[in-house]
Amino acid sequence: MNFFHYFVQTISCLKPSGEQGEIKLDVEYKVFSKMHYSPNGKCAFLVAGSPNMFTKLIKVEVKSGATTVIRATQSTDIDTAYFSTPKEMTWDTTDDDKCHGYYYPPQVHSEYSYL
C-alpha cells in the first residue's frame, strides 16, 4: 500500500522477515511497483515514476530513504510544464455511493499563456 503526499511518500511494505515496514521518501515519484528487498534487507529496488516523469528503476536505502537511479526507461526533451498533473477527486453517485477518479486539468505553458 502506498500513501502519497506532495514530494514525501511513505511506502508501507512487508520486510523479508514478514513484519510490516515503512520507507519514507523525499522525492517526486508518485507511482511505485515491483518492489524487492536486497538479500540483507538494507535496500529495496523498485520501479518508480510520476505523471511528469518516465518510470525508473531505483534503489532505496531502507533506513534513510535515500534513492539512487539505477536505470531510466526513457527520456524526453519535452518541457514538463506541458504535462497535466492529475488531481484526485471524489464525488457522490446514486444510492449514496462515492466515485473516485482523476481529473487532468488543462496545462498551458507560459509561452502560450496569451491564448
PDB file of N, CA and C in Angstrom:
ATOM      1  N   MET A   1       0.847  -1.163   0.000  1.00  0.00           N
ATOM      2  CA  MET A   1       0.000   0.000   0.000  1.00  0.00           C
ATOM      3  C   MET A   1       0.897   1.232   0.000  1.00  0.00           C
ATOM      4  N   ASN A   2       0.526   2.235  -0.773  1.00  0.00           N
ATOM      5  CA  ASN A   2       1.304   3.466  -0.841  1.00  0.00           C
ATOM      6  C   ASN A   2       0.462   4.622  -0.327  1.00  0.00           C
ATOM      7  N   PHE A   3       1.067   5.510   0.445  1.00  0.00           N
ATOM      8  CA  PHE A   3       0.425   6.724   0.896  1.00  0.00           C
ATOM      9  C   PHE A   3       1.152   7.864   0.212  1.00  0.00           C
ATOM     10  N   PHE A   4       0.413   8.771  -0.411  1.00  0.00           N
ATOM     11  CA  PHE A   4       1.056   9.816  -1.187  1.00  0.00           C
ATOM     12  C   PHE A   4       0.860  11.181  -0.559  1.00  0.00           C
ATOM     13  N   HIS A   5       1.911  11.956  -0.518  1.00  0.00           N
ATOM     14  CA  HIS A   5       1.896  13.361  -0.118  1.00  0.00           C
ATOM     15  C   HIS A   5       2.786  14.080  -1.115  1.00  0.00           C
ATOM     16  N   TYR A   6       2.634  15.367  -1.248  1.00  0.00           N
ATOM     17  CA  TYR A   6       3.434  16.100  -2.214  1.00  0.00           C
ATOM     18  C   TYR A   6       4.911  16.017  -1.851  1.00  0.00           C
ATOM     19  N   PHE A   7       5.683  15.379  -2.668  1.00  0.00           N
ATOM     20  CA  PHE A   7       7.124  15.207  -2.535  1.00  0.00           C
ATOM     21  C   PHE A   7       7.555  14.395  -1.318  1.00  0.00           C
ATOM     22  N   VAL A   8       6.648  13.864  -0.553  1.00  0.00           N
ATOM     23  CA  VAL A   8       7.032  12.973   0.541  1.00  0.00           C
ATOM     24  C   VAL A   8       6.072  11.790   0.504  1.00  0.00           C
ATOM     25  N   GLN A   9       6.606  10.608   0.306  1.00  0.00           N
ATOM     26  CA  GLN A   9       5.791   9.416   0.259  1.00  0.00           C
ATOM     27  C   GLN A   9       6.262   8.453   1.334  1.00  0.00           C
ATOM     28  N   THR A  10       5.326   7.758   1.903  1.00  0.00           N
ATOM     29  CA  THR A  10       5.646   6.673   2.818  1.00  0.00           C
ATOM     30  C   THR A  10       5.169   5.395   2.162  1.00  0.00           C
ATOM     31  N   ILE A  11       6.091   4.501   1.887  1.00  0.00           N
ATOM     32  CA  ILE A  11       5.745   3.226   1.284  1.00  0.00           C
ATOM     33  C   ILE A  11       5.621   2.214   2.416  1.00  0.00           C
ATOM     34  N   SER A  12       4.442   1.644   2.551  1.00  0.00           N
ATOM     35  CA  SER A  12       4.237   0.574   3.525  1.00  0.00           C
ATOM     36  C   SER A  12       4.445  -0.743   2.802  1.00  0.00           C
ATOM     37  N   CYS A  13       5.216  -1.625   3.400  1.00  0.00           N
ATOM     38  CA  CYS A  13       5.564  -2.866   2.721  1.00  0.00           C
ATOM     39  C   CYS A  13       5.871  -3.951   3.744  1.00  0.00           C
ATOM     40  N   LEU A  14       6.002  -5.160   3.259  1.00  0.00           N
ATOM     41  CA  LEU A  14       6.406  -6.275   4.107  1.00  0.00           C
ATOM     42  C   LEU A  14       7.896  -6.494   3.950  1.00  0.00           C
ATOM     43  N   LYS A  15       8.580  -6.591   5.065  1.00  0.00           N
ATOM     44  CA  LYS A  15      10.011  -6.881   5.044  1.00  0.00           C
ATOM     45  C   LYS A  15      10.209  -8.365   4.757  1.00  0.00           C
ATOM     46  N   PRO A  16      11.422  -8.762   4.348  1.00  0.00           N
ATOM     47  CA  PRO A  16      11.665 -10.197   4.107  1.00  0.00           C
ATOM     48  C   PRO A  16      11.343 -11.064   5.319  1.00  0.00           C
ATOM     49  N   SER A  17      11.425 -10.490   6.523  1.00  0.00           N
ATOM     50  CA  SER A  17      11.121 -11.245   7.740  1.00  0.00           C
ATOM     51  C   SER A  17       9.621 -11.454   7.939  1.00  0.00           C
ATOM     52  N   GLY A  18       8.796 -10.730   7.160  1.00  0.00           N
ATOM     53  CA  GLY A  18       7.351 -10.843   7.283  1.00  0.00           C
ATOM     54  C   GLY A  18       6.721  -9.728   8.087  1.00  0.00           C
ATOM     55  N   GLU A  19       7.538  -8.908   8.772  1.00  0.00           N
ATOM     56  CA  GLU A  19       6.975  -7.794   9.536  1.00  0.00           C
ATOM     57  C   GLU A  19       6.721  -6.606   8.615  1.00  0.00           C
ATOM     58  N   GLN A  20       5.773  -5.745   9.031  1.00  0.00           N
ATOM     59  CA  GLN A  20       5.447  -4.574   8.232  1.00  0.00           C
ATOM     60  C   GLN A  20       6.519  -3.510   8.413  1.00  0.00           C
ATOM     61  N   GLY A  21       6.871  -2.868   7.329  1.00  0.00           N
ATOM     62  CA  GLY A  21       7.853  -1.795   7.377  1.00  0.00           C
ATOM     63  C   GLY A  21       7.361  -0.579   6.625  1.00  0.00           C
ATOM     64  N   GLU A  22       7.992   0.542   6.878  1.00  0.00           N
ATOM     65  CA  GLU A  22       7.687   1.779   6.169  1.00  0.00           C
ATOM     66  C   GLU A  22       8.984   2.426   5.736  1.00  0.00           C
ATOM     67  N   ILE A  23       8.984   2.949   4.523  1.00  0.00           N
ATOM     68  CA  ILE A  23      10.136   3.671   3.997  1.00  0.00           C
ATOM     69  C   ILE A  23       9.654   5.049   3.597  1.00  0.00           C
ATOM     70  N   LYS A  24      10.257   6.096   4.153  1.00  0.00           N
ATOM     71  CA  LYS A  24       9.887   7.470   3.803  1.00  0.00           C
ATOM     72  C   LYS A  24      10.821   7.978   2.720  1.00  0.00           C
ATOM     73  N   LEU A  25      10.215   8.493   1.655  1.00  0.00           N
ATOM     74  CA  LEU A  25      10.973   9.024   0.533  1.00  0.00           C
ATOM     75  C   LEU A  25      10.690  10.510   0.382  1.00  0.00           C
ATOM     76  N   ASP A  26      11.698  11.289   0.094  1.00  0.00           N
ATOM     77  CA  ASP A  26      11.530  12.716  -0.157  1.00  0.00           C
ATOM     78  C   ASP A  26      11.885  12.972  -1.618  1.00  0.00           C
ATOM     79  N   VAL A  27      11.022  12.478  -2.493  1.00  0.00           N
ATOM     80  CA  VAL A  27      11.273  12.548  -3.925  1.00  0.00           C
ATOM     81  C   VAL A  27       9.977  12.851  -4.671  1.00  0.00           C
ATOM     82  N   GLU A  28      10.089  13.119  -5.954  1.00  0.00           N
ATOM     83  CA  GLU A  28       8.932  13.464  -6.773  1.00  0.00           C
ATOM     84  C   GLU A  28       8.136  12.261  -7.267  1.00  0.00           C
ATOM     85  N   TYR A  29       8.577  11.049  -7.013  1.00  0.00           N
ATOM     86  CA  TYR A  29       7.875   9.881  -7.529  1.00  0.00           C
ATOM     87  C   TYR A  29       6.494   9.765  -6.904  1.00  0.00           C
ATOM     88  N   LYS A  30       5.520   9.357  -7.706  1.00  0.00           N
ATOM     89  CA  LYS A  30       4.149   9.201  -7.224  1.00  0.00           C
ATOM     90  C   LYS A  30       3.632   7.774  -7.361  1.00  0.00           C
ATOM     91  N   VAL A  31       4.243   6.976  -8.231  1.00  0.00           N
ATOM     92  CA  VAL A  31       3.776   5.624  -8.501  1.00  0.00           C
ATOM     93  C   VAL A  31       4.930   4.656  -8.262  1.00  0.00           C
ATOM     94  N   PHE A  32       4.650   3.596  -7.532  1.00  0.00           N
ATOM     95  CA  PHE A  32       5.681   2.613  -7.192  1.00  0.00           C
ATOM     96  C   PHE A  32       5.171   1.216  -7.518  1.00  0.00           C
ATOM     97  N   SER A  33       6.068   0.363  -8.020  1.00  0.00           N
ATOM     98  CA  SER A  33       5.679  -1.022  -8.300  1.00  0.00           C
ATOM     99  C   SER A  33       6.903  -1.919  -8.281  1.00  0.00           C
ATOM    100  N   LYS A  34       6.651  -3.220  -8.300  1.00  0.00           N
ATOM    101  CA  LYS A  34       7.683  -4.254  -8.410  1.00  0.00           C
ATOM    102  C   LYS A  34       8.801  -4.113  -7.376  1.00  0.00           C
ATOM    103  N   MET A  35       8.428  -3.893  -6.138  1.00  0.00           N
ATOM    104  CA  MET A  35       9.425  -3.705  -5.079  1.00  0.00           C
ATOM    105  C   MET A  35      10.003  -5.033  -4.610  1.00  0.00           C
ATOM    106  N   HIS A  36      11.321  -5.078  -4.492  1.00  0.00           N
ATOM    107  CA  HIS A  36      12.024  -6.259  -3.987  1.00  0.00           C
ATOM    108  C   HIS A  36      13.148  -5.810  -3.063  1.00  0.00           C
ATOM    109  N   TYR A  37      13.278  -6.488  -1.942  1.00  0.00           N
ATOM    110  CA  TYR A  37      14.359  -6.194  -0.999  1.00  0.00           C
ATOM    111  C   TYR A  37      15.642  -6.895  -1.431  1.00  0.00           C
ATOM    112  N   SER A  38      16.770  -6.305  -1.054  1.00  0.00           N
ATOM    113  CA  SER A  38      18.059  -6.979  -1.226  1.00  0.00           C
ATOM    114  C   SER A  38      18.105  -8.141  -0.233  1.00  0.00           C
ATOM    115  N   PRO A  39      18.967  -9.128  -0.463  1.00  0.00           N
ATOM    116  CA  PRO A  39      19.039 -10.271   0.457  1.00  0.00           C
ATOM    117  C   PRO A  39      19.318  -9.868   1.904  1.00  0.00           C
ATOM    118  N   ASN A  40      20.084  -8.796   2.131  1.00  0.00           N
ATOM    119  CA  ASN A  40      20.378  -8.383   3.509  1.00  0.00           C
ATOM    120  C   ASN A  40      19.311  -7.442   4.075  1.00  0.00           C
ATOM    121  N   GLY A  41      18.326  -7.048   3.274  1.00  0.00           N
ATOM    122  CA  GLY A  41      17.232  -6.190   3.740  1.00  0.00           C
ATOM    123  C   GLY A  41      17.594  -4.738   3.949  1.00  0.00           C
ATOM    124  N   LYS A  42      18.806  -4.328   3.584  1.00  0.00           N
ATOM    125  CA  LYS A  42      19.226  -2.940   3.808  1.00  0.00           C
ATOM    126  C   LYS A  42      18.754  -1.988   2.722  1.00  0.00           C
ATOM    127  N   CYS A  43      18.413  -2.515   1.561  1.00  0.00           N
ATOM    128  CA  CYS A  43      17.912  -1.654   0.495  1.00  0.00           C
ATOM    129  C   CYS A  43      16.819  -2.392  -0.272  1.00  0.00           C
ATOM    130  N   ALA A  44      16.055  -1.604  -0.992  1.00  0.00           N
ATOM    131  CA  ALA A  44      14.983  -2.150  -1.816  1.00  0.00           C
ATOM    132  C   ALA A  44      15.155  -1.610  -3.230  1.00  0.00           C
ATOM    133  N   PHE A  45      14.704  -2.383  -4.179  1.00  0.00           N
ATOM    134  CA  PHE A  45      14.745  -1.974  -5.575  1.00  0.00           C
ATOM    135  C   PHE A  45      13.313  -1.941  -6.078  1.00  0.00           C
ATOM    136  N   LEU A  46      12.952  -0.884  -6.781  1.00  0.00           N
ATOM    137  CA  LEU A  46      11.594  -0.767  -7.270  1.00  0.00           C
ATOM    138  C   LEU A  46      11.530   0.120  -8.483  1.00  0.00           C
ATOM    139  N   VAL A  47      10.408   0.045  -9.168  1.00  0.00           N
ATOM    140  CA  VAL A  47      10.135   0.896 -10.318  1.00  0.00           C
ATOM    141  C   VAL A  47       9.308   2.066  -9.804  1.00  0.00           C
ATOM    142  N   ALA A  48       9.728   3.285 -10.127  1.00  0.00           N
ATOM    143  CA  ALA A  48       9.039   4.486  -9.650  1.00  0.00           C
ATOM    144  C   ALA A  48       8.861   5.460 -10.808  1.00  0.00           C
ATOM    145  N   GLY A  49       7.815   6.246 -10.740  1.00  0.00           N
ATOM    146  CA  GLY A  49       7.546   7.246 -11.762  1.00  0.00           C
ATOM    147  C   GLY A  49       6.570   8.273 -11.249  1.00  0.00           C
ATOM    148  N   SER A  50       6.140   9.159 -12.121  1.00  0.00           N
ATOM    149  CA  SER A  50       5.161  10.185 -11.781  1.00  0.00           C
ATOM    150  C   SER A  50       4.500  10.659 -13.067  1.00  0.00           C
ATOM    151  N   PRO A  51       3.457  11.485 -12.973  1.00  0.00           N
ATOM    152  CA  PRO A  51       2.795  11.957 -14.193  1.00  0.00           C
ATOM    153  C   PRO A  51       3.717  12.735 -15.132  1.00  0.00           C
ATOM    154  N   ASN A  52       4.752  13.356 -14.609  1.00  0.00           N
ATOM    155  CA  ASN A  52       5.635  14.149 -15.473  1.00  0.00           C
ATOM    156  C   ASN A  52       7.035  13.545 -15.588  1.00  0.00           C
ATOM    157  N   MET A  53       7.152  12.238 -15.304  1.00  0.00           N
ATOM    158  CA  MET A  53       8.458  11.589 -15.336  1.00  0.00           C
ATOM    159  C   MET A  53       8.269  10.124 -15.753  1.00  0.00           C
ATOM    160  N   PHE A  54       9.051   9.670 -16.734  1.00  0.00           N
ATOM    161  CA  PHE A  54       9.006   8.262 -17.109  1.00  0.00           C
ATOM    162  C   PHE A  54       9.480   7.411 -15.933  1.00  0.00           C
ATOM    163  N   THR A  55       9.080   6.150 -15.945  1.00  0.00           N
ATOM    164  CA  THR A  55       9.470   5.266 -14.846  1.00  0.00           C
ATOM    165  C   THR A  55      10.974   5.000 -14.855  1.00  0.00           C
ATOM    166  N   LYS A  56      11.480   4.732 -13.655  1.00  0.00           N
ATOM    167  CA  LYS A  56      12.897   4.455 -13.456  1.00  0.00           C
ATOM    168  C   LYS A  56      13.033   3.304 -12.483  1.00  0.00           C
ATOM    169  N   LEU A  57      14.092   2.543 -12.638  1.00  0.00           N
ATOM    170  CA  LEU A  57      14.443   1.538 -11.651  1.00  0.00           C
ATOM    171  C   LEU A  57      15.307   2.252 -10.623  1.00  0.00           C
ATOM    172  N   ILE A  58      14.869   2.232  -9.355  1.00  0.00           N
ATOM    173  CA  ILE A  58      15.617   2.943  -8.320  1.00  0.00           C
ATOM    174  C   ILE A  58      15.999   2.002  -7.183  1.00  0.00           C
ATOM    175  N   LYS A  59      17.048   2.379  -6.504  1.00  0.00           N
ATOM    176  CA  LYS A  59      17.497   1.686  -5.291  1.00  0.00           C
ATOM    177  C   LYS A  59      17.173   2.618  -4.130  1.00  0.00           C
ATOM    178  N   VAL A  60      16.577   2.078  -3.079  1.00  0.00           N
ATOM    179  CA  VAL A  60      16.201   2.865  -1.904  1.00  0.00           C
ATOM    180  C   VAL A  60      16.909   2.290  -0.688  1.00  0.00           C
ATOM    181  N   GLU A  61      17.642   3.134   0.026  1.00  0.00           N
ATOM    182  CA  GLU A  61      18.231   2.732   1.302  1.00  0.00           C
ATOM    183  C   GLU A  61      17.090   2.707   2.319  1.00  0.00           C
ATOM    184  N   VAL A  62      16.835   1.559   2.922  1.00  0.00           N
ATOM    185  CA  VAL A  62      15.662   1.391   3.781  1.00  0.00           C
ATOM    186  C   VAL A  62      15.695   2.335   4.979  1.00  0.00           C
ATOM    187  N   LYS A  63      16.810   2.485   5.654  1.00  0.00           N
ATOM    188  CA  LYS A  63      16.864   3.320   6.868  1.00  0.00           C
ATOM    189  C   LYS A  63      16.741   4.807   6.556  1.00  0.00           C
ATOM    190  N   SER A  64      17.433   5.277   5.531  1.00  0.00           N
ATOM    191  CA  SER A  64      17.464   6.715   5.261  1.00  0.00           C
ATOM    192  C   SER A  64      16.437   7.167   4.231  1.00  0.00           C
ATOM    193  N   GLY A  65      15.978   6.260   3.371  1.00  0.00           N
ATOM    194  CA  GLY A  65      15.080   6.643   2.288  1.00  0.00           C
ATOM    195  C   GLY A  65      15.806   7.257   1.103  1.00  0.00           C
ATOM    196  N   ALA A  66      17.138   7.304   1.158  1.00  0.00           N
ATOM    197  CA  ALA A  66      17.921   7.870   0.055  1.00  0.00           C
ATOM    198  C   ALA A  66      17.731   7.012  -1.193  1.00  0.00           C
ATOM    199  N   THR A  67      17.589   7.666  -2.335  1.00  0.00           N
ATOM    200  CA  THR A  67      17.362   6.940  -3.578  1.00  0.00           C
ATOM    201  C   THR A  67      18.509   7.151  -4.562  1.00  0.00           C
ATOM    202  N   THR A  68      18.724   6.132  -5.366  1.00  0.00           N
ATOM    203  CA  THR A  68      19.693   6.183  -6.454  1.00  0.00           C
ATOM    204  C   THR A  68      19.016   5.627  -7.690  1.00  0.00           C
ATOM    205  N   VAL A  69      19.116   6.336  -8.807  1.00  0.00           N
ATOM    206  CA  VAL A  69      18.545   5.845 -10.053  1.00  0.00           C
ATOM    207  C   VAL A  69      19.500   4.813 -10.642  1.00  0.00           C
ATOM    208  N   ILE A  70      18.979   3.621 -10.861  1.00  0.00           N
ATOM    209  CA  ILE A  70      19.766   2.552 -11.480  1.00  0.00           C
ATOM    210  C   ILE A  70      19.670   2.667 -13.003  1.00  0.00           C
ATOM    211  N   ARG A  71      18.443   2.836 -13.501  1.00  0.00           N
ATOM    212  CA  ARG A  71      18.245   2.971 -14.934  1.00  0.00           C
ATOM    213  C   ARG A  71      16.916   3.671 -15.212  1.00  0.00           C
ATOM    214  N   ALA A  72      16.939   4.607 -16.151  1.00  0.00           N
ATOM    215  CA  ALA A  72      15.719   5.273 -16.609  1.00  0.00           C
ATOM    216  C   ALA A  72      15.201   4.527 -17.834  1.00  0.00           C
ATOM    217  N   THR A  73      13.881   4.382 -17.941  1.00  0.00           N
ATOM    218  CA  THR A  73      13.327   3.642 -19.070  1.00  0.00           C
ATOM    219  C   THR A  73      13.365   4.456 -20.349  1.00  0.00           C
ATOM    220  N   GLN A  74      13.073   5.742 -20.248  1.00  0.00           N
ATOM    221  CA  GLN A  74      13.051   6.615 -21.411  1.00  0.00           C
ATOM    222  C   GLN A  74      13.430   8.010 -20.972  1.00  0.00           C
ATOM    223  N   SER A  75      13.652   8.855 -21.945  1.00  0.00           N
ATOM    224  CA  SER A  75      13.853  10.266 -21.647  1.00  0.00           C
ATOM    225  C   SER A  75      13.140  11.074 -22.722  1.00  0.00           C
ATOM    226  N   THR A  76      12.925  12.332 -22.445  1.00  0.00           N
ATOM    227  CA  THR A  76      12.261  13.196 -23.411  1.00  0.00           C
ATOM    228  C   THR A  76      12.823  14.596 -23.315  1.00  0.00           C
ATOM    229  N   ASP A  77      12.734  15.295 -24.401  1.00  0.00           N
ATOM    230  CA  ASP A  77      13.149  16.695 -24.419  1.00  0.00           C
ATOM    231  C   ASP A  77      11.964  17.624 -24.235  1.00  0.00           C
ATOM    232  N   ILE A  78      10.783  17.062 -23.966  1.00  0.00           N
ATOM    233  CA  ILE A  78       9.583  17.874 -23.780  1.00  0.00           C
ATOM    234  C   ILE A  78       9.622  18.505 -22.398  1.00  0.00           C
ATOM    235  N   ASP A  79       9.384  19.786 -22.341  1.00  0.00           N
ATOM    236  CA  ASP A  79       9.334  20.514 -21.069  1.00  0.00           C
ATOM    237  C   ASP A  79       8.171  19.982 -20.240  1.00  0.00           C
ATOM    238  N   THR A  80       8.416  19.585 -19.004  1.00  0.00           N
ATOM    239  CA  THR A  80       7.359  19.015 -18.159  1.00  0.00           C
ATOM    240  C   THR A  80       6.271  20.036 -17.825  1.00  0.00           C
ATOM    241  N   ALA A  81       6.500  21.304 -18.100  1.00  0.00           N
ATOM    242  CA  ALA A  81       5.452  22.308 -17.884  1.00  0.00           C
ATOM    243  C   ALA A  81       4.260  22.072 -18.814  1.00  0.00           C
ATOM    244  N   TYR A  82       4.448  21.275 -19.858  1.00  0.00           N
ATOM    245  CA  TYR A  82       3.353  20.940 -20.762  1.00  0.00           C
ATOM    246  C   TYR A  82       2.483  19.800 -20.220  1.00  0.00           C
ATOM    247  N   PHE A  83       2.932  19.070 -19.233  1.00  0.00           N
ATOM    248  CA  PHE A  83       2.217  17.896 -18.738  1.00  0.00           C
ATOM    249  C   PHE A  83       1.147  18.287 -17.730  1.00  0.00           C
ATOM    250  N   SER A  84      -0.033  17.713 -17.871  1.00  0.00           N
ATOM    251  CA  SER A  84      -1.084  17.885 -16.873  1.00  0.00           C
ATOM    252  C   SER A  84      -0.830  16.912 -15.737  1.00  0.00           C
ATOM    253  N   THR A  85      -0.957  17.387 -14.524  1.00  0.00           N
ATOM    254  CA  THR A  85      -0.789  16.536 -13.354  1.00  0.00           C
ATOM    255  C   THR A  85      -2.183  16.182 -12.834  1.00  0.00           C
ATOM    256  N   PRO A  86      -2.486  14.898 -12.670  1.00  0.00           N
ATOM    257  CA  PRO A  86      -3.828  14.515 -12.240  1.00  0.00           C
ATOM    258  C   PRO A  86      -4.124  14.944 -10.808  1.00  0.00           C
ATOM    259  N   LYS A  87      -5.368  15.295 -10.582  1.00  0.00           N
ATOM    260  CA  LYS A  87      -5.868  15.635  -9.250  1.00  0.00           C
ATOM    261  C   LYS A  87      -6.862  14.560  -8.839  1.00  0.00           C
ATOM    262  N   GLU A  88      -6.693  14.024  -7.626  1.00  0.00           N
ATOM    263  CA  GLU A  88      -7.637  13.019  -7.132  1.00  0.00           C
ATOM    264  C   GLU A  88      -8.958  13.695  -6.824  1.00  0.00           C
ATOM    265  N   MET A  89     -10.058  13.046  -7.223  1.00  0.00           N
ATOM    266  CA  MET A  89     -11.386  13.599  -6.991  1.00  0.00           C
ATOM    267  C   MET A  89     -12.311  12.507  -6.466  1.00  0.00           C
ATOM    268  N   THR A  90     -13.273  12.912  -5.685  1.00  0.00           N
ATOM    269  CA  THR A  90     -14.323  12.023  -5.202  1.00  0.00           C
ATOM    270  C   THR A  90     -15.641  12.768  -5.351  1.00  0.00           C
ATOM    271  N   TRP A  91     -16.678  12.080  -5.855  1.00  0.00           N
ATOM    272  CA  TRP A  91     -17.972  12.715  -5.988  1.00  0.00           C
ATOM    273  C   TRP A  91     -19.063  11.703  -5.666  1.00  0.00           C
ATOM    274  N   ASP A  92     -20.226  12.249  -5.325  1.00  0.00           N
ATOM    275  CA  ASP A  92     -21.376  11.415  -4.959  1.00  0.00           C
ATOM    276  C   ASP A  92     -22.026  10.836  -6.206  1.00  0.00           C
ATOM    277  N   THR A  93     -22.515   9.612  -6.070  1.00  0.00           N
ATOM    278  CA  THR A  93     -23.265   8.959  -7.138  1.00  0.00           C
ATOM    279  C   THR A  93     -24.624   8.573  -6.570  1.00  0.00           C
ATOM    280  N   THR A  94     -25.323   7.721  -7.270  1.00  0.00           N
ATOM    281  CA  THR A  94     -26.630   7.280  -6.785  1.00  0.00           C
ATOM    282  C   THR A  94     -26.482   6.373  -5.575  1.00  0.00           C
ATOM    283  N   ASP A  95     -27.545   6.222  -4.826  1.00  0.00           N
ATOM    284  CA  ASP A  95     -27.592   5.337  -3.655  1.00  0.00           C
ATOM    285  C   ASP A  95     -26.515   5.671  -2.625  1.00  0.00           C
ATOM    286  N   ASP A  96     -26.182   6.919  -2.483  1.00  0.00           N
ATOM    287  CA  ASP A  96     -25.190   7.388  -1.503  1.00  0.00           C
ATOM    288  C   ASP A  96     -23.814   6.734  -1.672  1.00  0.00           C
ATOM    289  N   ASP A  97     -23.487   6.321  -2.876  1.00  0.00           N
ATOM    290  CA  ASP A  97     -22.166   5.764  -3.149  1.00  0.00           C
ATOM    291  C   ASP A  97     -21.201   6.888  -3.494  1.00  0.00           C
ATOM    292  N   LYS A  98     -19.932   6.561  -3.459  1.00  0.00           N
ATOM    293  CA  LYS A  98     -18.875   7.507  -3.827  1.00  0.00           C
ATOM    294  C   LYS A  98     -18.160   6.982  -5.056  1.00  0.00           C
ATOM    295  N   CYS A  99     -17.749   7.869  -5.900  1.00  0.00           N
ATOM    296  CA  CYS A  99     -16.960   7.517  -7.071  1.00  0.00           C
ATOM    297  C   CYS A  99     -15.622   8.238  -6.949  1.00  0.00           C
ATOM    298  N   HIS A 100     -14.547   7.560  -7.300  1.00  0.00           N
ATOM    299  CA  HIS A 100     -13.207   8.128  -7.210  1.00  0.00           C
ATOM    300  C   HIS A 100     -12.589   8.144  -8.597  1.00  0.00           C
ATOM    301  N   GLY A 101     -11.880   9.201  -8.904  1.00  0.00           N
ATOM    302  CA  GLY A 101     -11.244   9.292 -10.211  1.00  0.00           C
ATOM    303  C   GLY A 101     -10.172  10.359 -10.219  1.00  0.00           C
ATOM    304  N   TYR A 102      -9.642  10.590 -11.400  1.00  0.00           N
ATOM    305  CA  TYR A 102      -8.603  11.597 -11.584  1.00  0.00           C
ATOM    306  C   TYR A 102      -9.073  12.629 -12.602  1.00  0.00           C
ATOM    307  N   TYR A 103      -8.784  13.873 -12.338  1.00  0.00           N
ATOM    308  CA  TYR A 103      -9.062  14.967 -13.257  1.00  0.00           C
ATOM    309  C   TYR A 103      -7.724  15.518 -13.717  1.00  0.00           C
ATOM    310  N   TYR A 104      -7.555  15.604 -15.012  1.00  0.00           N
ATOM    311  CA  TYR A 104      -6.334  16.162 -15.593  1.00  0.00           C
ATOM    312  C   TYR A 104      -6.644  17.567 -16.091  1.00  0.00           C
ATOM    313  N   PRO A 105      -6.392  18.589 -15.263  1.00  0.00           N
ATOM    314  CA  PRO A 105      -6.712  19.951 -15.703  1.00  0.00           C
ATOM    315  C   PRO A 105      -5.830  20.349 -16.879  1.00  0.00           C
ATOM    316  N   PRO A 106      -6.358  21.171 -17.771  1.00  0.00           N
ATOM    317  CA  PRO A 106      -5.551  21.625 -18.905  1.00  0.00           C
ATOM    318  C   PRO A 106      -4.292  22.334 -18.406  1.00  0.00           C
ATOM    319  N   GLN A 107      -3.220  22.097 -19.070  1.00  0.00           N
ATOM    320  CA  GLN A 107      -1.941  22.705 -18.706  1.00  0.00           C
ATOM    321  C   GLN A 107      -1.475  23.557 -19.882  1.00  0.00           C
ATOM    322  N   VAL A 108      -1.336  24.851 -19.661  1.00  0.00           N
ATOM    323  CA  VAL A 108      -0.881  25.759 -20.708  1.00  0.00           C
ATOM    324  C   VAL A 108       0.490  26.274 -20.322  1.00  0.00           C
ATOM    325  N   HIS A 109       1.450  26.027 -21.178  1.00  0.00           N
ATOM    326  CA  HIS A 109       2.825  26.502 -20.949  1.00  0.00           C
ATOM    327  C   HIS A 109       2.818  28.020 -20.997  1.00  0.00           C
ATOM    328  N   SER A 110       3.634  28.659 -20.170  1.00  0.00           N
ATOM    329  CA  SER A 110       3.677  30.126 -20.105  1.00  0.00           C
ATOM    330  C   SER A 110       3.983  30.755 -21.453  1.00  0.00           C
ATOM    331  N   GLU A 111       4.644  30.018 -22.332  1.00  0.00           N
ATOM    332  CA  GLU A 111       4.963  30.517 -23.669  1.00  0.00           C
ATOM    333  C   GLU A 111       3.671  30.802 -24.450  1.00  0.00           C
ATOM    334  N   TYR A 112       2.585  30.074 -24.121  1.00  0.00           N
ATOM    335  CA  TYR A 112       1.329  30.220 -24.815  1.00  0.00           C
ATOM    336  C   TYR A 112       0.226  30.795 -23.937  1.00  0.00           C
ATOM    337  N   SER A 113       0.570  31.483 -22.889  1.00  0.00           N
ATOM    338  CA  SER A 113      -0.425  31.988 -21.941  1.00  0.00           C
ATOM    339  C   SER A 113      -1.311  33.075 -22.526  1.00  0.00           C
ATOM    340  N   TYR A 114      -0.935  33.658 -23.640  1.00  0.00           N
ATOM    341  CA  TYR A 114      -1.721  34.717 -24.252  1.00  0.00           C
ATOM    342  C   TYR A 114      -2.934  34.166 -24.988  1.00  0.00           C
ATOM    343  N   LEU A 115      -3.000  32.849 -25.196  1.00  0.00           N
ATOM    344  CA  LEU A 115      -4.117  32.249 -25.946  1.00  0.00           C
ATOM    345  C   LEU A 115      -5.404  32.252 -25.174  1.00  0.00           C
TER     346      LEU A 115
END
